Amino acid sequence: FYTHPKVLAAIEAVLGSEYKLSSLNYRAAKPGLGLQKLHV
């Protein structure tokens, strides 16, 4: 999930060559819930 070559190529296209993993997390929206406000 953080070493796949195609993913890293895409990350580099956005951030350049100087990047690192910030976090690796799981999220599962519960039935009837899960809405988030638009954010960055």
PDB file of all heavy atoms in Angstrom:
ATOM      1  N   PHE A   1       0.804  -1.210   0.000  1.00  0.00           N
ATOM      2  CA  PHE A   1       0.000   0.000   0.000  1.00  0.00           C
ATOM      3  C   PHE A   1       0.844   1.270   0.000  1.00  0.00           C
ATOM      4  O   PHE A   1       0.335   2.342  -0.311  1.00  0.00           O
ATOM      5  CB  PHE A   1      -0.948   0.003   1.204  1.00  0.00           C
ATOM      6  CG  PHE A   1      -2.062  -0.997   1.103  1.00  0.00           C
ATOM      7  CD1 PHE A   1      -1.874  -2.319   1.483  1.00  0.00           C
ATOM      8  CD2 PHE A   1      -3.293  -0.632   0.589  1.00  0.00           C
ATOM      9  CE1 PHE A   1      -2.884  -3.250   1.366  1.00  0.00           C
ATOM     10  CE2 PHE A   1      -4.318  -1.553   0.467  1.00  0.00           C
ATOM     11  CZ  PHE A   1      -4.113  -2.869   0.858  1.00  0.00           C
ATOM     12  N   TYR A   2       2.105   1.154   0.362  1.00  0.00           N
ATOM     13  CA  TYR A   2       2.964   2.348   0.305  1.00  0.00           C
ATOM     14  C   TYR A   2       4.252   2.114  -0.472  1.00  0.00           C
ATOM     15  O   TYR A   2       5.131   2.976  -0.481  1.00  0.00           O
ATOM     16  CB  TYR A   2       3.280   2.859   1.724  1.00  0.00           C
ATOM     17  CG  TYR A   2       4.047   1.916   2.612  1.00  0.00           C
ATOM     18  CD1 TYR A   2       5.433   2.012   2.722  1.00  0.00           C
ATOM     19  CD2 TYR A   2       3.401   0.935   3.355  1.00  0.00           C
ATOM     20  CE1 TYR A   2       6.147   1.151   3.544  1.00  0.00           C
ATOM     21  CE2 TYR A   2       4.096   0.068   4.177  1.00  0.00           C
ATOM     22  CZ  TYR A   2       5.464   0.183   4.274  1.00  0.00           C
ATOM     23  OH  TYR A   2       6.168  -0.670   5.089  1.00  0.00           O
ATOM     24  N   THR A   3       4.361   0.965  -1.151  1.00  0.00           N
ATOM     25  CA  THR A   3       5.563   0.700  -1.943  1.00  0.00           C
ATOM     26  C   THR A   3       5.257   0.370  -3.404  1.00  0.00           C
ATOM     27  O   THR A   3       6.196   0.182  -4.185  1.00  0.00           O
ATOM     28  CB  THR A   3       6.358  -0.482  -1.336  1.00  0.00           C
ATOM     29  OG1 THR A   3       5.545  -1.668  -1.365  1.00  0.00           O
ATOM     30  CG2 THR A   3       6.804  -0.176   0.080  1.00  0.00           C
ATOM     31  N   HIS A   4       3.993   0.300  -3.797  1.00  0.00           N
ATOM     32  CA  HIS A   4       3.660  -0.079  -5.170  1.00  0.00           C
ATOM     33  C   HIS A   4       4.255   0.945  -6.146  1.00  0.00           C
ATOM     34  O   HIS A   4       4.058   2.155  -5.991  1.00  0.00           O
ATOM     35  CB  HIS A   4       2.144  -0.139  -5.340  1.00  0.00           C
ATOM     36  CG  HIS A   4       1.720  -0.830  -6.596  1.00  0.00           C
ATOM     37  ND1 HIS A   4       1.873  -0.263  -7.851  1.00  0.00           N
ATOM     38  CD2 HIS A   4       1.155  -2.056  -6.809  1.00  0.00           C
ATOM     39  CE1 HIS A   4       1.415  -1.097  -8.764  1.00  0.00           C
ATOM     40  NE2 HIS A   4       0.983  -2.190  -8.165  1.00  0.00           N
ATOM     41  N   PRO A   5       5.000   0.499  -7.151  1.00  0.00           N
ATOM     42  CA  PRO A   5       5.697   1.431  -8.050  1.00  0.00           C
ATOM     43  C   PRO A   5       4.778   2.436  -8.740  1.00  0.00           C
ATOM     44  O   PRO A   5       5.151   3.607  -8.892  1.00  0.00           O
ATOM     45  CB  PRO A   5       6.362   0.497  -9.065  1.00  0.00           C
ATOM     46  CG  PRO A   5       6.522  -0.803  -8.353  1.00  0.00           C
ATOM     47  CD  PRO A   5       5.336  -0.913  -7.444  1.00  0.00           C
ATOM     48  N   LYS A   6       3.589   2.016  -9.157  1.00  0.00           N
ATOM     49  CA  LYS A   6       2.715   2.956  -9.854  1.00  0.00           C
ATOM     50  C   LYS A   6       2.183   4.016  -8.887  1.00  0.00           C
ATOM     51  O   LYS A   6       2.036   5.192  -9.257  1.00  0.00           O
ATOM     52  CB  LYS A   6       1.555   2.216 -10.521  1.00  0.00           C
ATOM     53  CG  LYS A   6       0.749   3.120 -11.463  1.00  0.00           C
ATOM     54  CD  LYS A   6      -0.120   2.338 -12.418  1.00  0.00           C
ATOM     55  CE  LYS A   6      -0.760   3.276 -13.443  1.00  0.00           C
ATOM     56  NZ  LYS A   6      -1.555   2.543 -14.463  1.00  0.00           N
ATOM     57  N   VAL A   7       1.903   3.612  -7.666  1.00  0.00           N
ATOM     58  CA  VAL A   7       1.466   4.578  -6.658  1.00  0.00           C
ATOM     59  C   VAL A   7       2.579   5.587  -6.387  1.00  0.00           C
ATOM     60  O   VAL A   7       2.343   6.803  -6.334  1.00  0.00           O
ATOM     61  CB  VAL A   7       1.051   3.858  -5.362  1.00  0.00           C
ATOM     62  CG1 VAL A   7       0.907   4.847  -4.209  1.00  0.00           C
ATOM     63  CG2 VAL A   7      -0.253   3.112  -5.576  1.00  0.00           C
ATOM     64  N   LEU A   8       3.795   5.111  -6.233  1.00  0.00           N
ATOM     65  CA  LEU A   8       4.906   6.013  -5.948  1.00  0.00           C
ATOM     66  C   LEU A   8       5.172   6.950  -7.119  1.00  0.00           C
ATOM     67  O   LEU A   8       5.526   8.122  -6.911  1.00  0.00           O
ATOM     68  CB  LEU A   8       6.163   5.211  -5.606  1.00  0.00           C
ATOM     69  CG  LEU A   8       6.084   4.371  -4.330  1.00  0.00           C
ATOM     70  CD1 LEU A   8       7.410   3.658  -4.077  1.00  0.00           C
ATOM     71  CD2 LEU A   8       5.689   5.213  -3.128  1.00  0.00           C
ATOM     72  N   ALA A   9       4.983   6.466  -8.331  1.00  0.00           N
ATOM     73  CA  ALA A   9       5.147   7.336  -9.495  1.00  0.00           C
ATOM     74  C   ALA A   9       4.113   8.459  -9.475  1.00  0.00           C
ATOM     75  O   ALA A   9       4.420   9.613  -9.811  1.00  0.00           O
ATOM     76  CB  ALA A   9       5.017   6.520 -10.779  1.00  0.00           C
ATOM     77  N   ALA A  10       2.886   8.126  -9.063  1.00  0.00           N
ATOM     78  CA  ALA A  10       1.840   9.143  -8.991  1.00  0.00           C
ATOM     79  C   ALA A  10       2.118  10.133  -7.858  1.00  0.00           C
ATOM     80  O   ALA A  10       1.906  11.351  -8.016  1.00  0.00           O
ATOM     81  CB  ALA A  10       0.484   8.477  -8.795  1.00  0.00           C
ATOM     82  N   ILE A  11       2.577   9.633  -6.724  1.00  0.00           N
ATOM     83  CA  ILE A  11       2.926  10.518  -5.616  1.00  0.00           C
ATOM     84  C   ILE A  11       4.015  11.493  -6.046  1.00  0.00           C
ATOM     85  O   ILE A  11       3.946  12.708  -5.790  1.00  0.00           O
ATOM     86  CB  ILE A  11       3.387   9.705  -4.392  1.00  0.00           C
ATOM     87  CG1 ILE A  11       2.243   8.849  -3.840  1.00  0.00           C
ATOM     88  CG2 ILE A  11       3.947  10.631  -3.312  1.00  0.00           C
ATOM     89  CD1 ILE A  11       1.070   9.630  -3.311  1.00  0.00           C
ATOM     90  N   GLU A  12       5.016  10.975  -6.722  1.00  0.00           N
ATOM     91  CA  GLU A  12       6.121  11.822  -7.171  1.00  0.00           C
ATOM     92  C   GLU A  12       5.659  12.861  -8.186  1.00  0.00           C
ATOM     93  O   GLU A  12       6.188  13.982  -8.226  1.00  0.00           O
ATOM     94  CB  GLU A  12       7.244  10.965  -7.749  1.00  0.00           C
ATOM     95  CG  GLU A  12       8.500  11.753  -8.069  1.00  0.00           C
ATOM     96  CD  GLU A  12       9.720  10.874  -8.259  1.00  0.00           C
ATOM     97  OE1 GLU A  12       9.738   9.746  -7.737  1.00  0.00           O
ATOM     98  OE2 GLU A  12      10.680  11.333  -8.915  1.00  0.00           O
ATOM     99  N   ALA A  13       4.662  12.523  -8.992  1.00  0.00           N
ATOM    100  CA  ALA A  13       4.129  13.482  -9.956  1.00  0.00           C
ATOM    101  C   ALA A  13       3.492  14.685  -9.266  1.00  0.00           C
ATOM    102  O   ALA A  13       3.452  15.780  -9.825  1.00  0.00           O
ATOM    103  CB  ALA A  13       3.104  12.797 -10.864  1.00  0.00           C
ATOM    104  N   VAL A  14       3.009  14.487  -8.045  1.00  0.00           N
ATOM    105  CA  VAL A  14       2.376  15.578  -7.287  1.00  0.00           C
ATOM    106  C   VAL A  14       3.372  16.271  -6.373  1.00  0.00           C
ATOM    107  O   VAL A  14       3.439  17.508  -6.324  1.00  0.00           O
ATOM    108  CB  VAL A  14       1.186  15.054  -6.454  1.00  0.00           C
ATOM    109  CG1 VAL A  14       0.599  16.165  -5.585  1.00  0.00           C
ATOM    110  CG2 VAL A  14       0.109  14.478  -7.366  1.00  0.00           C
ATOM    111  N   LEU A  15       4.167  15.500  -5.637  1.00  0.00           N
ATOM    112  CA  LEU A  15       4.997  16.060  -4.573  1.00  0.00           C
ATOM    113  C   LEU A  15       6.464  16.241  -4.959  1.00  0.00           C
ATOM    114  O   LEU A  15       7.215  16.880  -4.209  1.00  0.00           O
ATOM    115  CB  LEU A  15       4.931  15.159  -3.326  1.00  0.00           C
ATOM    116  CG  LEU A  15       3.555  14.976  -2.687  1.00  0.00           C
ATOM    117  CD1 LEU A  15       3.668  14.089  -1.455  1.00  0.00           C
ATOM    118  CD2 LEU A  15       2.919  16.310  -2.334  1.00  0.00           C
ATOM    119  N   GLY A  16       6.871  15.688  -6.092  1.00  0.00           N
ATOM    120  CA  GLY A  16       8.279  15.703  -6.415  1.00  0.00           C
ATOM    121  C   GLY A  16       8.985  14.525  -5.763  1.00  0.00           C
ATOM    122  O   GLY A  16       8.357  13.655  -5.159  1.00  0.00           O
ATOM    123  N   SER A  17      10.286  14.499  -5.840  1.00  0.00           N
ATOM    124  CA  SER A  17      11.053  13.329  -5.403  1.00  0.00           C
ATOM    125  C   SER A  17      11.286  13.271  -3.896  1.00  0.00           C
ATOM    126  O   SER A  17      11.680  12.225  -3.370  1.00  0.00           O
ATOM    127  CB  SER A  17      12.399  13.292  -6.125  1.00  0.00           C
ATOM    128  OG  SER A  17      13.160  14.467  -5.830  1.00  0.00           O
ATOM    129  N   GLU A  18      11.058  14.377  -3.189  1.00  0.00           N
ATOM    130  CA  GLU A  18      11.326  14.418  -1.747  1.00  0.00           C
ATOM    131  C   GLU A  18      10.021  14.247  -0.981  1.00  0.00           C
ATOM    132  O   GLU A  18       9.353  15.215  -0.627  1.00  0.00           O
ATOM    133  CB  GLU A  18      12.015  15.732  -1.370  1.00  0.00           C
ATOM    134  CG  GLU A  18      13.360  15.935  -2.037  1.00  0.00           C
ATOM    135  CD  GLU A  18      14.362  14.854  -1.652  1.00  0.00           C
ATOM    136  OE1 GLU A  18      14.431  14.504  -0.451  1.00  0.00           O
ATOM    137  OE2 GLU A  18      15.064  14.348  -2.549  1.00  0.00           O
ATOM    138  N   TYR A  19       9.643  12.997  -0.713  1.00  0.00           N
ATOM    139  CA  TYR A  19       8.390  12.710  -0.027  1.00  0.00           C
ATOM    140  C   TYR A  19       8.587  11.552   0.942  1.00  0.00           C
ATOM    141  O   TYR A  19       9.612  10.859   0.915  1.00  0.00           O
ATOM    142  CB  TYR A  19       7.286  12.363  -1.031  1.00  0.00           C
ATOM    143  CG  TYR A  19       7.565  11.106  -1.823  1.00  0.00           C
ATOM    144  CD1 TYR A  19       7.229   9.846  -1.338  1.00  0.00           C
ATOM    145  CD2 TYR A  19       8.186  11.172  -3.074  1.00  0.00           C
ATOM    146  CE1 TYR A  19       7.504   8.688  -2.052  1.00  0.00           C
ATOM    147  CE2 TYR A  19       8.467  10.017  -3.799  1.00  0.00           C
ATOM    148  CZ  TYR A  19       8.124   8.789  -3.284  1.00  0.00           C
ATOM    149  OH  TYR A  19       8.403   7.649  -3.979  1.00  0.00           O
ATOM    150  N   LYS A  20       7.612  11.340   1.806  1.00  0.00           N
ATOM    151  CA  LYS A  20       7.639  10.234   2.765  1.00  0.00           C
ATOM    152  C   LYS A  20       6.214   9.838   3.080  1.00  0.00           C
ATOM    153  O   LYS A  20       5.262  10.627   2.863  1.00  0.00           O
ATOM    154  CB  LYS A  20       8.366  10.639   4.051  1.00  0.00           C
ATOM    155  CG  LYS A  20       7.742  11.840   4.754  1.00  0.00           C
ATOM    156  CD  LYS A  20       8.607  12.360   5.880  1.00  0.00           C
ATOM    157  CE  LYS A  20       8.016  13.630   6.491  1.00  0.00           C
ATOM    158  NZ  LYS A  20       8.879  14.226   7.538  1.00  0.00           N
ATOM    159  N   LEU A  21       6.029   8.635   3.580  1.00  0.00           N
ATOM    160  CA  LEU A  21       4.708   8.217   4.025  1.00  0.00           C
ATOM    161  C   LEU A  21       4.366   8.970   5.303  1.00  0.00           C
ATOM    162  O   LEU A  21       5.162   9.019   6.237  1.00  0.00           O
ATOM    163  CB  LEU A  21       4.666   6.715   4.293  1.00  0.00           C
ATOM    164  CG  LEU A  21       3.282   6.183   4.687  1.00  0.00           C
ATOM    165  CD1 LEU A  21       2.380   6.083   3.467  1.00  0.00           C
ATOM    166  CD2 LEU A  21       3.391   4.834   5.383  1.00  0.00           C
ATOM    167  N   SER A  22       3.185   9.541   5.332  1.00  0.00           N
ATOM    168  CA  SER A  22       2.717  10.224   6.537  1.00  0.00           C
ATOM    169  C   SER A  22       1.948   9.264   7.438  1.00  0.00           C
ATOM    170  O   SER A  22       2.156   9.246   8.649  1.00  0.00           O
ATOM    171  CB  SER A  22       1.835  11.415   6.161  1.00  0.00           C
ATOM    172  OG  SER A  22       1.432  12.137   7.294  1.00  0.00           O
ATOM    173  N   SER A  23       1.062   8.456   6.847  1.00  0.00           N
ATOM    174  CA  SER A  23       0.309   7.467   7.629  1.00  0.00           C
ATOM    175  C   SER A  23      -0.304   6.431   6.699  1.00  0.00           C
ATOM    176  O   SER A  23      -0.480   6.680   5.501  1.00  0.00           O
ATOM    177  CB  SER A  23      -0.789   8.141   8.464  1.00  0.00           C
ATOM    178  OG  SER A  23      -1.714   8.822   7.626  1.00  0.00           O
ATOM    179  N   LEU A  24      -0.617   5.278   7.270  1.00  0.00           N
ATOM    180  CA  LEU A  24      -1.307   4.213   6.542  1.00  0.00           C
ATOM    181  C   LEU A  24      -2.462   3.755   7.418  1.00  0.00           C
ATOM    182  O   LEU A  24      -2.257   3.085   8.434  1.00  0.00           O
ATOM    183  CB  LEU A  24      -0.349   3.058   6.243  1.00  0.00           C
ATOM    184  CG  LEU A  24      -0.940   1.915   5.401  1.00  0.00           C
ATOM    185  CD1 LEU A  24      -1.313   2.404   4.009  1.00  0.00           C
ATOM    186  CD2 LEU A  24       0.044   0.757   5.303  1.00  0.00           C
ATOM    187  N   ASN A  25      -3.682   4.142   7.032  1.00  0.00           N
ATOM    188  CA  ASN A  25      -4.855   3.965   7.879  1.00  0.00           C
ATOM    189  C   ASN A  25      -6.002   3.299   7.120  1.00  0.00           C
ATOM    190  O   ASN A  25      -6.065   3.342   5.887  1.00  0.00           O
ATOM    191  CB  ASN A  25      -5.341   5.312   8.411  1.00  0.00           C
ATOM    192  CG  ASN A  25      -4.259   6.076   9.156  1.00  0.00           C
ATOM    193  OD1 ASN A  25      -3.496   5.486   9.914  1.00  0.00           O
ATOM    194  ND2 ASN A  25      -4.188   7.369   8.929  1.00  0.00           N
ATOM    195  N   TYR A  26      -6.891   2.735   7.884  1.00  0.00           N
ATOM    196  CA  TYR A  26      -8.118   2.106   7.369  1.00  0.00           C
ATOM    197  C   TYR A  26      -9.309   2.952   7.781  1.00  0.00           C
ATOM    198  O   TYR A  26      -9.358   3.458   8.914  1.00  0.00           O
ATOM    199  CB  TYR A  26      -8.226   0.705   7.961  1.00  0.00           C
ATOM    200  CG  TYR A  26      -9.569   0.022   7.867  1.00  0.00           C
ATOM    201  CD1 TYR A  26      -9.956  -0.664   6.719  1.00  0.00           C
ATOM    202  CD2 TYR A  26     -10.436   0.022   8.966  1.00  0.00           C
ATOM    203  CE1 TYR A  26     -11.178  -1.325   6.655  1.00  0.00           C
ATOM    204  CE2 TYR A  26     -11.662  -0.641   8.908  1.00  0.00           C
ATOM    205  CZ  TYR A  26     -12.023  -1.317   7.755  1.00  0.00           C
ATOM    206  OH  TYR A  26     -13.219  -1.973   7.703  1.00  0.00           O
ATOM    207  N   ARG A  27     -10.270   3.103   6.862  1.00  0.00           N
ATOM    208  CA  ARG A  27     -11.520   3.809   7.158  1.00  0.00           C
ATOM    209  C   ARG A  27     -12.673   3.037   6.543  1.00  0.00           C
ATOM    210  O   ARG A  27     -12.620   2.673   5.375  1.00  0.00           O
ATOM    211  CB  ARG A  27     -11.521   5.237   6.630  1.00  0.00           C
ATOM    212  CG  ARG A  27     -12.816   6.005   6.928  1.00  0.00           C
ATOM    213  CD  ARG A  27     -12.783   7.433   6.372  1.00  0.00           C
ATOM    214  NE  ARG A  27     -13.968   8.185   6.753  1.00  0.00           N
ATOM    215  CZ  ARG A  27     -15.099   8.260   6.034  1.00  0.00           C
ATOM    216  NH1 ARG A  27     -15.186   7.609   4.863  1.00  0.00           N
ATOM    217  NH2 ARG A  27     -16.140   8.959   6.460  1.00  0.00           N
ATOM    218  N   ALA A  28     -13.707   2.815   7.345  1.00  0.00           N
ATOM    219  CA  ALA A  28     -14.899   2.119   6.870  1.00  0.00           C
ATOM    220  C   ALA A  28     -16.126   2.928   7.258  1.00  0.00           C
ATOM    221  O   ALA A  28     -16.433   3.083   8.453  1.00  0.00           O
ATOM    222  CB  ALA A  28     -14.986   0.721   7.461  1.00  0.00           C
ATOM    223  N   ALA A  29     -16.816   3.485   6.265  1.00  0.00           N
ATOM    224  CA  ALA A  29     -18.028   4.250   6.535  1.00  0.00           C
ATOM    225  C   ALA A  29     -19.127   3.321   7.040  1.00  0.00           C
ATOM    226  O   ALA A  29     -19.444   2.314   6.416  1.00  0.00           O
ATOM    227  CB  ALA A  29     -18.482   4.966   5.269  1.00  0.00           C
ATOM    228  N   LYS A  30     -19.710   3.663   8.195  1.00  0.00           N
ATOM    229  CA  LYS A  30     -20.743   2.830   8.792  1.00  0.00           C
ATOM    230  C   LYS A  30     -22.073   2.998   8.060  1.00  0.00           C
ATOM    231  O   LYS A  30     -22.335   4.049   7.458  1.00  0.00           O
ATOM    232  CB  LYS A  30     -20.922   3.214  10.265  1.00  0.00           C
ATOM    233  CG  LYS A  30     -19.703   2.980  11.120  1.00  0.00           C
ATOM    234  CD  LYS A  30     -19.955   3.440  12.554  1.00  0.00           C
ATOM    235  CE  LYS A  30     -18.746   3.224  13.442  1.00  0.00           C
ATOM    236  NZ  LYS A  30     -18.994   3.715  14.826  1.00  0.00           N
ATOM    237  N   PRO A  31     -22.937   1.979   8.099  1.00  0.00           N
ATOM    238  CA  PRO A  31     -24.263   2.104   7.483  1.00  0.00           C
ATOM    239  C   PRO A  31     -25.014   3.324   8.031  1.00  0.00           C
ATOM    240  O   PRO A  31     -25.076   3.541   9.247  1.00  0.00           O
ATOM    241  CB  PRO A  31     -24.957   0.798   7.883  1.00  0.00           C
ATOM    242  CG  PRO A  31     -23.831  -0.174   8.059  1.00  0.00           C
ATOM    243  CD  PRO A  31     -22.709   0.621   8.644  1.00  0.00           C
ATOM    244  N   GLY A  32     -25.520   4.128   7.113  1.00  0.00           N
ATOM    245  CA  GLY A  32     -26.280   5.312   7.487  1.00  0.00           C
ATOM    246  C   GLY A  32     -25.440   6.507   7.866  1.00  0.00           C
ATOM    247  O   GLY A  32     -25.982   7.585   8.155  1.00  0.00           O
ATOM    248  N   LEU A  33     -24.113   6.361   7.871  1.00  0.00           N
ATOM    249  CA  LEU A  33     -23.219   7.426   8.328  1.00  0.00           C
ATOM    250  C   LEU A  33     -22.089   7.629   7.314  1.00  0.00           C
ATOM    251  O   LEU A  33     -22.181   7.184   6.192  1.00  0.00           O
ATOM    252  CB  LEU A  33     -22.662   7.066   9.710  1.00  0.00           C
ATOM    253  CG  LEU A  33     -23.694   6.860  10.828  1.00  0.00           C
ATOM    254  CD1 LEU A  33     -23.034   6.279  12.078  1.00  0.00           C
ATOM    255  CD2 LEU A  33     -24.388   8.184  11.151  1.00  0.00           C
ATOM    256  N   GLY A  34     -21.046   8.313   7.737  1.00  0.00           N
ATOM    257  CA  GLY A  34     -19.853   8.465   6.901  1.00  0.00           C
ATOM    258  C   GLY A  34     -19.699   9.792   6.199  1.00  0.00           C
ATOM    259  O   GLY A  34     -18.660  10.051   5.581  1.00  0.00           O
ATOM    260  N   LEU A  35     -20.702  10.677   6.276  1.00  0.00           N
ATOM    261  CA  LEU A  35     -20.600  11.953   5.573  1.00  0.00           C
ATOM    262  C   LEU A  35     -19.506  12.814   6.182  1.00  0.00           C
ATOM    263  O   LEU A  35     -19.424  12.984   7.393  1.00  0.00           O
ATOM    264  CB  LEU A  35     -21.931  12.705   5.637  1.00  0.00           C
ATOM    265  CG  LEU A  35     -21.933  14.097   4.980  1.00  0.00           C
ATOM    266  CD1 LEU A  35     -21.739  13.978   3.477  1.00  0.00           C
ATOM    267  CD2 LEU A  35     -23.221  14.854   5.306  1.00  0.00           C
ATOM    268  N   GLN A  36     -18.653  13.351   5.338  1.00  0.00           N
ATOM    269  CA  GLN A  36     -17.648  14.320   5.740  1.00  0.00           C
ATOM    270  C   GLN A  36     -17.873  15.620   4.976  1.00  0.00           C
ATOM    271  O   GLN A  36     -18.278  15.614   3.812  1.00  0.00           O
ATOM    272  CB  GLN A  36     -16.241  13.814   5.420  1.00  0.00           C
ATOM    273  CG  GLN A  36     -15.808  12.579   6.183  1.00  0.00           C
ATOM    274  CD  GLN A  36     -14.445  12.089   5.705  1.00  0.00           C
ATOM    275  OE1 GLN A  36     -14.196  12.009   4.503  1.00  0.00           O
ATOM    276  NE2 GLN A  36     -13.571  11.774   6.648  1.00  0.00           N
ATOM    277  N   LYS A  37     -17.579  16.733   5.619  1.00  0.00           N
ATOM    278  CA  LYS A  37     -17.630  18.000   4.897  1.00  0.00           C
ATOM    279  C   LYS A  37     -16.502  18.024   3.864  1.00  0.00           C
ATOM    280  O   LYS A  37     -15.481  17.326   4.012  1.00  0.00           O
ATOM    281  CB  LYS A  37     -17.477  19.167   5.867  1.00  0.00           C
ATOM    282  CG  LYS A  37     -16.132  19.231   6.559  1.00  0.00           C
ATOM    283  CD  LYS A  37     -16.087  20.386   7.540  1.00  0.00           C
ATOM    284  CE  LYS A  37     -14.717  20.450   8.238  1.00  0.00           C
ATOM    285  NZ  LYS A  37     -14.655  21.557   9.212  1.00  0.00           N
ATOM    286  N   LEU A  38     -16.690  18.795   2.816  1.00  0.00           N
ATOM    287  CA  LEU A  38     -15.608  18.988   1.860  1.00  0.00           C
ATOM    288  C   LEU A  38     -14.443  19.664   2.588  1.00  0.00           C
ATOM    289  O   LEU A  38     -14.635  20.653   3.307  1.00  0.00           O
ATOM    290  CB  LEU A  38     -16.075  19.840   0.684  1.00  0.00           C
ATOM    291  CG  LEU A  38     -16.978  19.131  -0.329  1.00  0.00           C
ATOM    292  CD1 LEU A  38     -17.563  20.137  -1.314  1.00  0.00           C
ATOM    293  CD2 LEU A  38     -16.226  18.036  -1.081  1.00  0.00           C
ATOM    294  N   HIS A  39     -13.261  19.101   2.416  1.00  0.00           N
ATOM    295  CA  HIS A  39     -12.100  19.611   3.132  1.00  0.00           C
ATOM    296  C   HIS A  39     -10.843  19.350   2.318  1.00  0.00           C
ATOM    297  O   HIS A  39     -10.872  18.651   1.301  1.00  0.00           O
ATOM    298  CB  HIS A  39     -11.980  18.944   4.510  1.00  0.00           C
ATOM    299  CG  HIS A  39     -11.747  17.460   4.438  1.00  0.00           C
ATOM    300  ND1 HIS A  39     -12.769  16.561   4.218  1.00  0.00           N
ATOM    301  CD2 HIS A  39     -10.600  16.723   4.543  1.00  0.00           C
ATOM    302  CE1 HIS A  39     -12.271  15.322   4.205  1.00  0.00           C
ATOM    303  NE2 HIS A  39     -10.963  15.398   4.386  1.00  0.00           N
ATOM    304  N   VAL A  40      -9.742  19.917   2.752  1.00  0.00           N
ATOM    305  CA  VAL A  40      -8.425  19.586   2.220  1.00  0.00           C
ATOM    306  C   VAL A  40      -7.603  19.044   3.381  1.00  0.00           C
ATOM    307  O   VAL A  40      -7.955  19.226   4.549  1.00  0.00           O
ATOM    308  CB  VAL A  40      -7.737  20.807   1.572  1.00  0.00           C
ATOM    309  CG1 VAL A  40      -8.572  21.342   0.419  1.00  0.00           C
ATOM    310  CG2 VAL A  40      -7.492  21.908   2.609  1.00  0.00           C
TER     311      VAL A  40
END
